[in-house]
């Protein structure tokens, strides 16, 4: 292989709200921790063991603004990005390192609460999304939860 690849794919939950930093010229950067879990059954004790791995996530400019506006602690997200390692000197004079994932693509996976939902006993008729479907096949349609995407 002639080239190299630096690609990370994660699905996890935000460990905190996005912390934003703004710079002159309109640029911005957002940072937040992302938790991913791995679980297995301990064969000796038959107990389920869950290991949580924490990732340092970085989003820039427009992506950062979208995350700040729509993502909150606990939300589930799909993230693609690149690994980057920062190096700096701490107050004690020792060199420090931090590995981060710089986001290039993402998808919010947590359902958002519906706004302006009318109560079921509302006086206005509710619109059925399947009104133009033949009643014989309407019952065979999968619920939204059964869809593979």
Protein backbone atom coordinates (compact mmCIF):
# COMPACT_ATOMS: atom_id res chain seq x y z
CA UNK A 1 0.00 0.00 0.00
CA UNK A 2 1.49 3.32 -1.06
CA UNK A 3 -0.59 5.70 1.07
CA UNK A 4 -1.61 5.84 4.68
CA UNK A 5 -4.99 6.15 6.36
CA UNK A 6 -5.90 7.95 9.56
CA UNK A 7 -9.60 7.33 10.13
CA UNK A 8 -11.60 6.79 13.30
CA UNK A 9 -15.27 5.76 13.52
CA UNK A 10 -17.05 5.97 16.87
CA UNK A 11 -20.60 5.61 18.11
CA UNK A 12 -20.99 6.80 21.66
CA UNK A 13 -22.58 9.19 24.13
CA UNK A 14 -21.49 12.74 24.92
CA UNK A 15 -19.97 12.82 28.40
CA UNK A 16 -20.55 16.55 28.75
CA UNK A 17 -21.95 19.51 26.83
CA UNK A 18 -19.72 21.02 24.14
CA UNK A 19 -17.22 23.56 25.47
CA UNK A 20 -16.78 26.30 22.86
CA UNK A 21 -13.85 28.64 22.24
CA UNK A 22 -14.13 31.52 19.77
CA UNK A 23 -11.25 33.21 17.95
CA UNK A 24 -10.73 36.42 16.01
CA UNK A 25 -11.88 36.12 12.42
CA UNK A 26 -14.98 34.10 13.31
CA UNK A 27 -13.33 30.71 13.79
CA UNK A 28 -14.42 28.48 16.63
CA UNK A 29 -13.55 25.15 18.19
CA UNK A 30 -15.64 22.87 20.36
CA UNK A 31 -14.43 20.07 22.63
CA UNK A 32 -16.28 17.32 24.49
CA UNK A 33 -15.67 13.83 25.83
CA UNK A 34 -17.33 10.85 24.13
CA UNK A 35 -17.90 7.55 25.94
CA UNK A 36 -17.90 4.19 24.18
CA UNK A 37 -18.66 0.94 26.01
CA UNK A 38 -17.46 -2.62 25.62
CA UNK A 39 -19.05 -5.42 27.61
CA UNK A 40 -18.47 -9.10 28.17
CA UNK A 41 -19.45 -11.88 30.58
CA UNK A 42 -16.77 -12.88 33.08
CA UNK A 43 -16.68 -16.68 32.76
CA UNK A 44 -15.42 -17.14 36.32
CA UNK A 45 -18.18 -15.12 38.02
CA UNK A 46 -20.87 -15.05 35.28
CA UNK A 47 -21.11 -11.29 35.83
CA UNK A 48 -21.42 -8.78 33.04
CA UNK A 49 -18.39 -6.46 32.92
CA UNK A 50 -18.67 -3.09 31.17
CA UNK A 51 -15.56 -1.13 30.21
CA UNK A 52 -15.98 2.53 29.25
CA UNK A 53 -13.42 4.21 27.04
CA UNK A 54 -13.31 8.03 26.94
CA UNK A 55 -12.35 9.89 23.76
CA UNK A 56 -11.43 13.57 23.41
CA UNK A 57 -13.50 14.98 20.53
CA UNK A 58 -12.74 18.21 18.64
CA UNK A 59 -15.12 19.95 16.22
CA UNK A 60 -14.27 23.14 14.35
CA UNK A 61 -16.12 26.15 12.98
CA UNK A 62 -19.56 25.29 11.51
CA UNK A 63 -19.51 21.73 12.89
CA UNK A 64 -18.74 23.12 16.34
CA UNK A 65 -21.67 25.53 16.14
CA UNK A 66 -24.02 22.71 15.10
CA UNK A 67 -22.85 20.54 18.00
CA UNK A 68 -23.18 23.41 20.46
CA UNK A 69 -26.72 24.10 19.31
CA UNK A 70 -28.14 20.59 18.96
CA UNK A 71 -26.04 18.17 21.06
CA UNK A 72 -26.16 17.83 24.82
CA UNK A 73 -24.70 15.59 27.47
CA UNK A 74 -25.91 12.00 27.07
CA UNK A 75 -26.82 12.27 23.37
CA UNK A 76 -25.76 9.39 21.15
CA UNK A 77 -23.71 10.31 18.05
CA UNK A 78 -21.91 8.67 15.15
CA UNK A 79 -18.54 10.32 14.49
CA UNK A 80 -15.91 9.95 11.79
CA UNK A 81 -12.63 11.75 12.14
CA UNK A 82 -8.85 11.69 12.33
CA UNK A 83 -6.51 11.08 15.24
CA UNK A 84 -4.31 14.00 16.22
CA UNK A 85 -1.90 14.19 19.14
CA UNK A 86 -1.18 17.53 20.81
CA UNK A 87 2.02 18.17 22.73
CA UNK A 88 2.62 20.95 25.27
CA UNK A 89 4.74 21.74 28.30
CA UNK A 90 2.92 21.70 31.61
CA UNK A 91 3.40 24.13 34.48
CA UNK A 92 5.77 21.65 36.08
CA UNK A 93 8.00 21.71 32.98
CA UNK A 94 7.07 18.19 31.86
CA UNK A 95 5.92 17.49 28.33
CA UNK A 96 2.25 16.49 28.08
CA UNK A 97 0.41 14.71 25.29
CA UNK A 98 -3.25 14.37 24.43
CA UNK A 99 -4.74 12.31 21.61
CA UNK A 100 -7.92 13.76 20.10
CA UNK A 101 -10.37 12.85 17.37
CA UNK A 102 -10.90 15.74 14.95
CA UNK A 103 -14.40 15.28 13.50
CA UNK A 104 -14.91 15.27 9.74
CA UNK A 105 -18.41 13.71 9.56
CA UNK A 106 -21.14 13.03 12.11
CA UNK A 107 -24.75 12.00 12.60
CA UNK A 108 -26.91 12.60 15.65
CA UNK A 109 -28.46 9.29 16.71
CA UNK A 110 -30.54 10.33 19.74
CA UNK A 111 -34.16 11.09 18.94
CA UNK A 112 -35.09 14.68 19.67
CA UNK A 113 -38.26 15.46 21.64
CA UNK A 114 -41.18 16.43 19.44
CA UNK A 115 -42.21 20.05 19.77
CA UNK A 116 -45.74 21.40 19.51
CA UNK A 117 -47.31 17.97 19.94
CA UNK A 118 -51.07 18.24 20.44
CA UNK A 119 -52.77 16.07 23.04
CA UNK A 120 -54.56 12.96 21.79
CA UNK A 121 -57.97 14.33 22.73
CA UNK A 122 -57.38 17.47 20.70
CA UNK A 123 -60.36 18.81 18.79
CA UNK A 124 -58.48 18.97 15.49
CA UNK A 125 -58.22 15.74 13.50
CA UNK A 126 -54.81 14.12 13.40
CA UNK A 127 -53.14 13.51 10.07
CA UNK A 128 -52.33 9.86 9.39
CA UNK A 129 -49.13 9.48 7.37
CA UNK A 130 -50.54 6.31 5.75
CA UNK A 131 -53.86 7.80 4.52
CA UNK A 132 -53.26 7.04 0.82
CA UNK A 133 -52.21 3.43 1.38
CA UNK A 134 -54.48 0.51 0.59
CA UNK A 135 -55.99 -0.64 3.95
CA UNK A 136 -55.19 -4.27 3.12
CA UNK A 137 -51.44 -3.60 3.06
CA UNK A 138 -51.39 -0.76 5.61
CA UNK A 139 -51.30 -3.22 8.51
CA UNK A 140 -48.28 -4.98 6.99
CA UNK A 141 -46.13 -1.85 7.03
CA UNK A 142 -43.34 -1.87 9.64
CA UNK A 143 -43.41 0.53 12.53
CA UNK A 144 -40.74 3.22 12.53
CA UNK A 145 -38.85 1.21 15.16
CA UNK A 146 -38.64 -1.80 12.80
CA UNK A 147 -36.92 0.09 9.98
CA UNK A 148 -33.29 -0.95 9.44
CA UNK A 149 -32.03 2.64 9.23
